[in-house]
Amino acid sequence: MTIEVTGSLVILALTTTMSVILATAGQDDKIRFWEAPSGVCSRILRYADSQVNCLEITPDKQYLAAGGNPHIRLFEINNASNQSILTLEGHTGNVTSLWF
């Protein structure tokens, strides 16, 4: 199986009740959720006005944080909405690392 992604790649594995999900992101301003066993892209989130430099999933697997330039955005993983629930501003450049 091959999962094709353009731009720089960040991958996080997330186990849900249904399957293992990969979250990827990069220079195309999109975050993609992949069904790991099948390679099917199951969801795409737009990260407006910046590439995505890093991703981090909360320990409870409920939220995904994405760092860009110069924002950090928080998304609910199991919410059908593709809008972030929180945007953190204040950095003056690229956010390249996140940690919960």
Protein backbone atom coordinates (compact mmCIF):
# COMPACT_ATOMS: atom_id res chain seq x y z
CA MET A 1 0.00 0.00 0.00
CA THR A 2 1.24 3.50 -0.81
CA ILE A 3 -0.16 6.74 0.59
CA GLU A 4 0.87 9.68 -1.60
CA VAL A 5 1.26 13.08 0.03
CA THR A 6 2.75 16.23 -1.46
CA GLY A 7 5.03 18.63 0.38
CA SER A 8 6.75 17.97 3.67
CA LEU A 9 5.21 15.18 5.67
CA VAL A 10 4.30 14.85 9.31
CA ILE A 11 2.72 11.56 10.41
CA LEU A 12 1.03 10.64 13.66
CA ALA A 13 -0.70 7.35 14.35
CA LEU A 14 -4.04 7.39 16.11
CA THR A 15 -5.94 4.28 17.11
CA THR A 16 -9.70 4.73 17.15
CA THR A 17 -12.44 2.21 17.80
CA MET A 18 -12.74 1.67 14.05
CA SER A 19 -9.11 1.45 12.89
CA VAL A 20 -5.68 3.00 12.90
CA ILE A 21 -5.69 6.52 11.47
CA LEU A 22 -2.67 8.44 10.17
CA ALA A 23 -2.72 12.24 10.29
CA THR A 24 -0.49 13.95 7.74
CA ALA A 25 0.14 17.55 6.82
CA GLY A 26 2.56 19.71 4.91
CA GLN A 27 3.09 22.59 2.55
CA ASP A 28 -0.27 22.23 0.80
CA ASP A 29 -2.13 23.84 3.77
CA LYS A 30 -4.15 20.68 4.44
CA ILE A 31 -4.34 18.09 7.19
CA ARG A 32 -5.40 14.66 6.00
CA PHE A 33 -6.70 11.68 7.98
CA TRP A 34 -5.95 8.31 6.39
CA GLU A 35 -7.39 4.88 7.09
CA ALA A 36 -4.06 3.11 7.54
CA PRO A 37 -5.13 -0.43 6.52
CA SER A 38 -6.74 0.70 3.24
CA GLY A 39 -4.81 3.88 2.40
CA VAL A 40 -8.07 5.79 1.93
CA CYS A 41 -8.09 9.49 2.80
CA SER A 42 -11.16 9.81 5.05
CA ARG A 43 -11.06 13.51 5.93
CA ILE A 44 -9.33 16.74 4.92
CA LEU A 45 -9.00 19.85 7.10
CA ARG A 46 -7.90 23.19 5.65
CA TYR A 47 -5.24 25.04 7.62
CA ALA A 48 -5.83 28.50 6.21
CA ASP A 49 -2.99 30.91 5.41
CA SER A 50 0.00 28.71 6.24
CA GLN A 51 1.73 25.41 5.66
CA VAL A 52 1.54 22.92 8.53
CA ASN A 53 4.89 22.38 10.25
CA CYS A 54 3.93 19.98 13.04
CA LEU A 55 1.06 17.93 14.46
CA GLU A 56 0.37 16.55 17.91
CA ILE A 57 -2.54 14.46 19.18
CA THR A 58 -3.68 14.81 22.78
CA PRO A 59 -3.15 11.73 25.00
CA ASP A 60 -6.92 11.13 25.13
CA LYS A 61 -7.00 11.19 21.29
CA GLN A 62 -9.79 13.79 21.25
CA TYR A 63 -7.88 16.75 19.78
CA LEU A 64 -5.30 17.45 17.13
CA ALA A 65 -3.03 20.50 17.39
CA ALA A 66 -1.39 21.86 14.25
CA GLY A 67 1.45 24.37 14.19
CA GLY A 68 2.02 26.68 11.25
CA ASN A 69 3.29 30.19 10.64
CA PRO A 70 2.62 31.84 13.09
CA HIS A 71 -0.50 30.12 14.46
CA ILE A 72 -1.39 27.01 16.44
CA ARG A 73 -4.85 25.60 15.74
CA LEU A 74 -6.75 22.97 17.70
CA PHE A 75 -9.23 20.62 16.00
CA GLU A 76 -11.65 18.09 17.49
CA ILE A 77 -10.82 14.74 15.91
CA ASN A 78 -14.29 13.18 16.19
CA ASN A 79 -16.21 16.29 15.16
CA ALA A 80 -17.57 16.46 11.61
CA SER A 81 -16.79 20.18 11.45
CA ASN A 82 -13.61 21.05 9.62
CA GLN A 83 -13.23 24.30 11.56
CA SER A 84 -10.67 24.69 14.32
CA ILE A 85 -12.11 25.11 17.79
CA LEU A 86 -9.23 27.29 18.99
CA THR A 87 -6.55 29.44 17.36
CA LEU A 88 -3.54 30.50 19.38
CA GLU A 89 -1.67 33.56 18.12
CA GLY A 90 1.40 35.34 19.38
CA HIS A 91 4.33 33.65 17.71
CA THR A 92 6.33 35.78 15.31
CA GLY A 93 7.46 32.92 13.09
CA ASN A 94 7.04 29.24 12.30
CA VAL A 95 5.78 26.93 15.03
CA THR A 96 7.87 23.80 14.57
CA SER A 97 7.10 21.73 17.66
CA LEU A 98 4.09 20.95 19.86
CA TRP A 99 3.67 18.80 22.94
CA PHE A 100 0.85 17.82 25.28
